[in-house]
PDB file of N, CA and C in Angstrom:
ATOM      1  N   MET A   1      52.504 -15.165 215.523  1.00  0.00           N
ATOM      2  CA  MET A   1      51.727 -14.792 216.691  1.00  0.00           C
ATOM      3  C   MET A   1      51.235 -13.356 216.509  1.00  0.00           C
ATOM      4  N   PRO A   2      49.935 -13.112 216.751  1.00  0.00           N
ATOM      5  CA  PRO A   2      49.423 -11.758 216.550  1.00  0.00           C
ATOM      6  C   PRO A   2      49.952 -10.800 217.611  1.00  0.00           C
ATOM      7  N   SER A   3      50.062  -9.553 217.224  1.00  0.00           N
ATOM      8  CA  SER A   3      50.514  -8.557 218.192  1.00  0.00           C
ATOM      9  C   SER A   3      49.384  -8.278 219.183  1.00  0.00           C
ATOM     10  N   PRO A   4      49.705  -7.726 220.378  1.00  0.00           N
ATOM     11  CA  PRO A   4      48.685  -7.485 221.406  1.00  0.00           C
ATOM     12  C   PRO A   4      47.550  -6.575 220.947  1.00  0.00           C
ATOM     13  N   ASP A   5      47.810  -5.693 219.983  1.00  0.00           N
ATOM     14  CA  ASP A   5      46.755  -4.781 219.551  1.00  0.00           C
ATOM     15  C   ASP A   5      45.849  -5.386 218.480  1.00  0.00           C
ATOM     16  N   GLN A   6      46.173  -6.575 217.990  1.00  0.00           N
ATOM     17  CA  GLN A   6      45.311  -7.249 217.017  1.00  0.00           C
ATOM     18  C   GLN A   6      44.303  -8.112 217.743  1.00  0.00           C
ATOM     19  N   SER A   7      43.070  -8.127 217.249  1.00  0.00           N
ATOM     20  CA  SER A   7      42.052  -8.972 217.877  1.00  0.00           C
ATOM     21  C   SER A   7      42.186 -10.404 217.374  1.00  0.00           C
ATOM     22  N   CYS A   8      41.811 -11.362 218.215  1.00  0.00           N
ATOM     23  CA  CYS A   8      41.828 -12.770 217.821  1.00  0.00           C
ATOM     24  C   CYS A   8      40.650 -13.022 216.901  1.00  0.00           C
ATOM     25  N   ASP A   9      40.868 -13.768 215.854  1.00  0.00           N
ATOM     26  CA  ASP A   9      39.725 -14.105 215.020  1.00  0.00           C
ATOM     27  C   ASP A   9      39.012 -15.314 215.613  1.00  0.00           C
ATOM     28  N   ALA A  10      37.760 -15.476 215.266  1.00  0.00           N
ATOM     29  CA  ALA A  10      36.926 -16.531 215.845  1.00  0.00           C
ATOM     30  C   ALA A  10      37.462 -17.923 215.523  1.00  0.00           C
ATOM     31  N   GLN A  11      38.236 -18.063 214.466  1.00  0.00           N
ATOM     32  CA  GLN A  11      38.769 -19.354 214.074  1.00  0.00           C
ATOM     33  C   GLN A  11      39.780 -19.888 215.094  1.00  0.00           C
ATOM     34  N   SER A  12      40.444 -19.020 215.847  1.00  0.00           N
ATOM     35  CA  SER A  12      41.482 -19.461 216.760  1.00  0.00           C
ATOM     36  C   SER A  12      40.946 -19.888 218.124  1.00  0.00           C
ATOM     37  N   VAL A  13      39.665 -19.670 218.390  1.00  0.00           N
ATOM     38  CA  VAL A  13      39.049 -20.039 219.665  1.00  0.00           C
ATOM     39  C   VAL A  13      38.231 -21.309 219.465  1.00  0.00           C
ATOM     40  N   PRO A  14      38.498 -22.359 220.253  1.00  0.00           N
ATOM     41  CA  PRO A  14      37.730 -23.602 220.102  1.00  0.00           C
ATOM     42  C   PRO A  14      36.242 -23.371 220.356  1.00  0.00           C
ATOM     43  N   GLU A  15      35.391 -23.995 219.564  1.00  0.00           N
ATOM     44  CA  GLU A  15      33.949 -23.825 219.702  1.00  0.00           C
ATOM     45  C   GLU A  15      33.466 -24.244 221.083  1.00  0.00           C
ATOM     46  N   GLY A  16      34.050 -25.293 221.653  1.00  0.00           N
ATOM     47  CA  GLY A  16      33.651 -25.764 222.977  1.00  0.00           C
ATOM     48  C   GLY A  16      33.874 -24.709 224.047  1.00  0.00           C
ATOM     49  N   LEU A  17      34.952 -23.932 223.908  1.00  0.00           N
ATOM     50  CA  LEU A  17      35.235 -22.874 224.875  1.00  0.00           C
ATOM     51  C   LEU A  17      34.186 -21.780 224.788  1.00  0.00           C
ATOM     52  N   ILE A  18      33.812 -21.408 223.597  1.00  0.00           N
ATOM     53  CA  ILE A  18      32.782 -20.382 223.420  1.00  0.00           C
ATOM     54  C   ILE A  18      31.465 -20.856 224.012  1.00  0.00           C
ATOM     55  N   ALA A  19      31.112 -22.109 223.817  1.00  0.00           N
ATOM     56  CA  ALA A  19      29.876 -22.650 224.381  1.00  0.00           C
ATOM     57  C   ALA A  19      29.935 -22.647 225.903  1.00  0.00           C
ATOM     58  N   LEU A  20      31.072 -23.001 226.467  1.00  0.00           N
ATOM     59  CA  LEU A  20      31.224 -23.018 227.920  1.00  0.00           C
ATOM     60  C   LEU A  20      31.093 -21.609 228.495  1.00  0.00           C
ATOM     61  N   ILE A  21      31.777 -20.658 227.906  1.00  0.00           N
ATOM     62  CA  ILE A  21      31.722 -19.285 228.385  1.00  0.00           C
ATOM     63  C   ILE A  21      30.299 -18.752 228.303  1.00  0.00           C
ATOM     64  N   GLY A  22      29.610 -19.060 227.245  1.00  0.00           N
ATOM     65  CA  GLY A  22      28.237 -18.592 227.089  1.00  0.00           C
ATOM     66  C   GLY A  22      27.272 -19.242 228.061  1.00  0.00           C
ATOM     67  N   SER A  23      27.641 -20.394 228.623  1.00  0.00           N
ATOM     68  CA  SER A  23      26.728 -21.101 229.518  1.00  0.00           C
ATOM     69  C   SER A  23      26.871 -20.687 230.975  1.00  0.00           C
ATOM     70  N   VAL A  24      27.898 -19.913 231.304  1.00  0.00           N
ATOM     71  CA  VAL A  24      28.122 -19.491 232.685  1.00  0.00           C
ATOM     72  C   VAL A  24      27.186 -18.344 233.013  1.00  0.00           C
ATOM     73  N   GLN A  25      26.374 -18.549 234.032  1.00  0.00           N
ATOM     74  CA  GLN A  25      25.462 -17.507 234.473  1.00  0.00           C
ATOM     75  C   GLN A  25      25.713 -17.242 235.946  1.00  0.00           C
ATOM     76  N   GLY A  26      25.805 -16.018 236.308  1.00  0.00           N
ATOM     77  CA  GLY A  26      26.032 -15.659 237.698  1.00  0.00           C
ATOM     78  C   GLY A  26      26.135 -14.164 237.851  1.00  0.00           C
ATOM     79  N   PRO A  27      26.380 -13.731 239.063  1.00  0.00           N
ATOM     80  CA  PRO A  27      26.523 -12.301 239.308  1.00  0.00           C
ATOM     81  C   PRO A  27      27.720 -11.728 238.562  1.00  0.00           C
ATOM     82  N   GLU A  28      27.706 -10.426 238.352  1.00  0.00           N
ATOM     83  CA  GLU A  28      28.783  -9.780 237.593  1.00  0.00           C
ATOM     84  C   GLU A  28      30.147  -9.960 238.245  1.00  0.00           C
ATOM     85  N   ASP A  29      30.190 -10.060 239.577  1.00  0.00           N
ATOM     86  CA  ASP A  29      31.476 -10.187 240.265  1.00  0.00           C
ATOM     87  C   ASP A  29      31.823 -11.643 240.579  1.00  0.00           C
ATOM     88  N   PHE A  30      31.231 -12.574 239.866  1.00  0.00           N
ATOM     89  CA  PHE A  30      31.427 -13.996 240.146  1.00  0.00           C
ATOM     90  C   PHE A  30      32.895 -14.395 240.108  1.00  0.00           C
ATOM     91  N   ALA A  31      33.631 -13.924 239.121  1.00  0.00           N
ATOM     92  CA  ALA A  31      35.047 -14.299 239.005  1.00  0.00           C
ATOM     93  C   ALA A  31      35.853 -13.798 240.194  1.00  0.00           C
ATOM     94  N   GLU A  32      35.521 -12.625 240.676  1.00  0.00           N
ATOM     95  CA  GLU A  32      36.272 -12.054 241.792  1.00  0.00           C
ATOM     96  C   GLU A  32      35.919 -12.707 243.121  1.00  0.00           C
ATOM     97  N   ARG A  33      34.662 -13.156 243.273  1.00  0.00           N
ATOM     98  CA  ARG A  33      34.207 -13.676 244.561  1.00  0.00           C
ATOM     99  C   ARG A  33      33.846 -15.153 244.506  1.00  0.00           C
ATOM    100  N   HIS A  34      34.415 -15.901 243.557  1.00  0.00           N
ATOM    101  CA  HIS A  34      34.011 -17.296 243.382  1.00  0.00           C
ATOM    102  C   HIS A  34      34.201 -18.118 244.648  1.00  0.00           C
ATOM    103  N   ASP A  35      35.269 -17.883 245.405  1.00  0.00           N
ATOM    104  CA  ASP A  35      35.482 -18.638 246.650  1.00  0.00           C
ATOM    105  C   ASP A  35      34.346 -18.380 247.640  1.00  0.00           C
ATOM    106  N   ASP A  36      33.941 -17.124 247.748  1.00  0.00           N
ATOM    107  CA  ASP A  36      32.849 -16.774 248.660  1.00  0.00           C
ATOM    108  C   ASP A  36      31.542 -17.436 248.235  1.00  0.00           C
ATOM    109  N   TYR A  37      31.254 -17.404 246.929  1.00  0.00           N
ATOM    110  CA  TYR A  37      30.019 -18.012 246.435  1.00  0.00           C
ATOM    111  C   TYR A  37      30.012 -19.521 246.667  1.00  0.00           C
ATOM    112  N   LEU A  38      31.143 -20.172 246.419  1.00  0.00           N
ATOM    113  CA  LEU A  38      31.214 -21.613 246.639  1.00  0.00           C
ATOM    114  C   LEU A  38      31.030 -21.950 248.118  1.00  0.00           C
ATOM    115  N   ARG A  39      31.701 -21.187 248.986  1.00  0.00           N
ATOM    116  CA  ARG A  39      31.585 -21.414 250.423  1.00  0.00           C
ATOM    117  C   ARG A  39      30.137 -21.246 250.889  1.00  0.00           C
ATOM    118  N   GLU A  40      29.462 -20.180 250.427  1.00  0.00           N
ATOM    119  CA  GLU A  40      28.066 -19.945 250.796  1.00  0.00           C
ATOM    120  C   GLU A  40      27.169 -21.089 250.321  1.00  0.00           C
ATOM    121  N   ARG A  41      27.407 -21.547 249.113  1.00  0.00           N
ATOM    122  CA  ARG A  41      26.587 -22.633 248.567  1.00  0.00           C
ATOM    123  C   ARG A  41      26.790 -23.929 249.348  1.00  0.00           C
ATOM    124  N   LEU A  42      28.036 -24.247 249.683  1.00  0.00           N
ATOM    125  CA  LEU A  42      28.319 -25.456 250.455  1.00  0.00           C
ATOM    126  C   LEU A  42      27.725 -25.357 251.860  1.00  0.00           C
ATOM    127  N   GLU A  43      27.790 -24.171 252.468  1.00  0.00           N
ATOM    128  CA  GLU A  43      27.209 -23.998 253.800  1.00  0.00           C
ATOM    129  C   GLU A  43      25.694 -24.162 253.762  1.00  0.00           C
ATOM    130  N   ARG A  44      25.047 -23.669 252.720  1.00  0.00           N
ATOM    131  CA  ARG A  44      23.588 -23.855 252.587  1.00  0.00           C
ATOM    132  C   ARG A  44      23.251 -25.330 252.432  1.00  0.00           C
ATOM    133  N   ARG A  45      24.088 -26.042 251.685  1.00  0.00           N
ATOM    134  CA  ARG A  45      23.791 -27.450 251.402  1.00  0.00           C
ATOM    135  C   ARG A  45      24.152 -28.373 252.569  1.00  0.00           C
ATOM    136  N   PHE A  46      25.304 -28.141 253.190  1.00  0.00           N
ATOM    137  CA  PHE A  46      25.808 -29.063 254.199  1.00  0.00           C
ATOM    138  C   PHE A  46      25.864 -28.470 255.604  1.00  0.00           C
ATOM    139  N   GLY A  47      25.597 -27.186 255.737  1.00  0.00           N
ATOM    140  CA  GLY A  47      25.695 -26.538 257.040  1.00  0.00           C
ATOM    141  C   GLY A  47      27.134 -26.102 257.306  1.00  0.00           C
ATOM    142  N   LYS A  48      27.287 -25.276 258.303  1.00  0.00           N
ATOM    143  CA  LYS A  48      28.632 -24.779 258.643  1.00  0.00           C
ATOM    144  C   LYS A  48      29.395 -25.859 259.390  1.00  0.00           C
ATOM    145  N   GLY A  49      30.639 -26.043 259.031  1.00  0.00           N
ATOM    146  CA  GLY A  49      31.502 -26.991 259.733  1.00  0.00           C
ATOM    147  C   GLY A  49      31.961 -26.398 261.059  1.00  0.00           C
ATOM    148  N   GLU A  50      32.131 -27.267 262.013  1.00  0.00           N
ATOM    149  CA  GLU A  50      32.567 -26.749 263.328  1.00  0.00           C
ATOM    150  C   GLU A  50      33.947 -27.224 263.646  1.00  0.00           C
TER     151      GLU A  50
END
């Protein structure tokens, strides 16, 4: 197992994961606010629940 200060080589990362990560497009804070973004999108599509 590599030590924390060693970088992972590209061989250890599955190609599918790299493709998935590269395909994600969104605001810079998407990971931090994903719940908010999903809620806003659902409200636009289906309206606010009462």
